[in-house]
Amino acid sequence: QVQLVESGGGLVQAGGSLRLSCAASGSIFSINAMGWYRQAPGKQRELVAAITSGGDTNYADSVKGRFTISRDNAKNTVYLQMNSLKPEDTAVYYCNADRITITIATRLGPTVIPYFGSWGQGTQVTVSS
């Protein structure tokens, strides 16, 4: 019922910039938290940055000062601006939406219910040295 579609990955030289976007679609009523995770080959998936609907943000220490997360609540879209990229930033980046509520049709009319979290399909970011 909720789909996340990422875009903006690619190949960039060290020191360059990329901007990732993730749009959520479906019968969404609200999304409390949206974020970006990444997974490099042979490593566990890790949180990169997260943002609440109120604008509170959280960053991994490794990206503080270089990455900026933002979101457009009206569009259910989250962005990750990545500057001063390093080869160690190379990974598949996944969008996540958590604490979602959706609207369903019932005999009583439209009803808002909690929904599971959702993940995007991932987008590759490769930083060459």
Protein backbone atom coordinates (compact mmCIF):
# COMPACT_ATOMS: atom_id res chain seq x y z
CA GLN A 1 0.00 0.00 0.00
CA VAL A 2 3.04 2.23 0.42
CA GLN A 3 5.82 2.37 -2.16
CA LEU A 4 9.12 4.22 -1.96
CA VAL A 5 10.97 5.13 -5.14
CA GLU A 6 14.53 6.45 -4.94
CA SER A 7 16.46 8.37 -7.54
CA GLY A 8 19.68 10.34 -7.88
CA GLY A 9 22.41 7.77 -7.35
CA GLY A 10 25.38 7.46 -9.66
CA LEU A 11 29.12 7.68 -10.08
CA VAL A 12 31.00 10.72 -8.85
CA GLN A 13 34.61 11.61 -8.12
CA ALA A 14 35.82 12.16 -4.58
CA GLY A 15 34.94 15.65 -3.43
CA GLY A 16 31.87 15.77 -5.62
CA SER A 17 28.19 15.98 -4.77
CA LEU A 18 25.02 14.01 -5.36
CA ARG A 19 21.41 14.52 -4.34
CA LEU A 20 19.17 11.57 -3.61
CA SER A 21 15.40 11.77 -3.66
CA CYS A 22 12.81 9.35 -2.35
CA ALA A 23 9.10 9.72 -3.01
CA ALA A 24 6.52 7.75 -1.06
CA SER A 25 3.19 6.94 -2.68
CA GLY A 26 0.03 5.10 -1.72
CA SER A 27 -2.87 5.74 0.60
CA ILE A 28 -0.65 7.68 2.97
CA PHE A 29 -2.14 9.77 5.74
CA SER A 30 1.12 10.59 7.51
CA ILE A 31 4.74 9.50 7.82
CA ASN A 32 6.46 10.33 11.06
CA ALA A 33 10.05 9.42 10.23
CA MET A 34 11.89 9.16 6.93
CA GLY A 35 15.52 8.34 6.52
CA TRP A 36 18.40 7.06 4.48
CA TYR A 37 20.43 3.95 5.19
CA ARG A 38 23.35 2.52 3.28
CA GLN A 39 24.96 -0.83 2.85
CA ALA A 40 28.44 -1.37 1.48
CA PRO A 41 29.63 -4.78 0.25
CA GLY A 42 30.35 -7.08 3.16
CA LYS A 43 29.01 -4.62 5.72
CA GLN A 44 25.78 -4.25 7.66
CA ARG A 45 23.17 -1.71 6.70
CA GLU A 46 23.68 1.49 8.67
CA LEU A 47 21.72 4.64 9.31
CA VAL A 48 23.00 7.65 7.39
CA ALA A 49 20.42 10.28 8.32
CA ALA A 50 16.83 10.54 9.47
CA ILE A 51 14.24 13.28 9.79
CA THR A 52 10.88 13.49 11.52
CA SER A 53 7.81 15.23 10.19
CA GLY A 54 8.60 18.04 12.62
CA GLY A 55 12.05 18.52 11.13
CA ASP A 56 14.20 16.92 13.82
CA THR A 57 17.26 15.34 12.24
CA ASN A 58 19.82 12.71 13.16
CA TYR A 59 23.07 11.95 11.33
CA ALA A 60 25.73 9.30 11.46
CA ASP A 61 28.99 10.76 12.76
CA SER A 62 30.72 9.84 9.50
CA VAL A 63 28.51 12.17 7.43
CA LYS A 64 27.96 15.09 9.79
CA GLY A 65 28.85 18.37 8.14
CA ARG A 66 28.84 16.82 4.66
CA PHE A 67 25.30 15.43 4.20
CA THR A 68 22.00 17.22 4.69
CA ILE A 69 18.63 15.52 4.94
CA SER A 70 15.40 17.38 4.22
CA ARG A 71 11.82 16.51 3.41
CA ASP A 72 8.70 17.89 1.80
CA ASN A 73 5.81 16.63 3.92
CA ALA A 74 3.20 17.69 1.37
CA LYS A 75 4.89 15.51 -1.25
CA ASN A 76 5.92 12.70 1.11
CA THR A 77 9.42 13.09 -0.28
CA VAL A 78 12.77 13.00 1.47
CA TYR A 79 16.07 14.25 0.08
CA LEU A 80 19.71 13.64 0.90
CA GLN A 81 22.21 16.24 -0.27
CA MET A 82 25.66 14.66 -0.20
CA ASN A 83 28.68 16.94 -0.50
CA SER A 84 32.42 16.32 -0.20
CA LEU A 85 31.86 12.68 -1.05
CA LYS A 86 34.55 10.18 -0.14
CA PRO A 87 35.26 6.70 -1.54
CA GLU A 88 34.08 5.23 1.76
CA ASP A 89 30.61 6.65 1.04
CA THR A 90 30.28 4.09 -1.75
CA ALA A 91 27.27 1.90 -1.01
CA VAL A 92 23.71 1.12 -1.96
CA TYR A 93 21.53 3.78 -0.35
CA TYR A 94 18.06 2.80 0.83
CA CYS A 95 15.17 5.06 1.70
CA ASN A 96 13.06 4.18 4.71
CA ALA A 97 9.72 5.43 5.96
CA ASP A 98 8.63 4.56 9.48
CA ARG A 99 5.60 5.11 11.71
CA ILE A 100 3.28 5.43 8.74
CA THR A 101 -0.47 5.77 8.88
CA ILE A 102 -2.66 5.07 5.87
CA THR A 103 -6.28 5.65 4.94
CA ILE A 104 -8.47 2.69 4.09
CA ALA A 105 -12.07 2.50 3.01
CA THR A 106 -14.45 0.86 5.49
CA ARG A 107 -18.22 0.70 5.76
CA LEU A 108 -17.89 3.50 8.28
CA GLY A 109 -16.05 5.66 5.77
CA PRO A 110 -12.34 6.53 5.37
CA THR A 111 -10.40 5.23 8.35
CA VAL A 112 -6.80 5.95 9.33
CA ILE A 113 -4.81 2.96 10.58
CA PRO A 114 -1.16 2.28 11.39
CA TYR A 115 0.98 0.70 8.70
CA PHE A 116 4.26 -1.16 8.63
CA GLY A 117 7.48 0.63 7.80
CA SER A 118 8.56 0.60 4.17
CA TRP A 119 11.83 0.40 2.25
CA GLY A 120 12.86 1.55 -1.19
CA GLN A 121 14.63 -0.67 -3.68
CA GLY A 122 17.99 1.04 -3.21
CA THR A 123 20.15 3.26 -5.39
CA GLN A 124 23.87 2.80 -5.99
CA VAL A 125 26.28 5.55 -5.07
CA THR A 126 29.87 5.07 -6.20
CA VAL A 127 32.62 7.52 -5.31
CA SER A 128 35.88 7.12 -7.18
CA SER A 129 39.21 8.21 -5.74
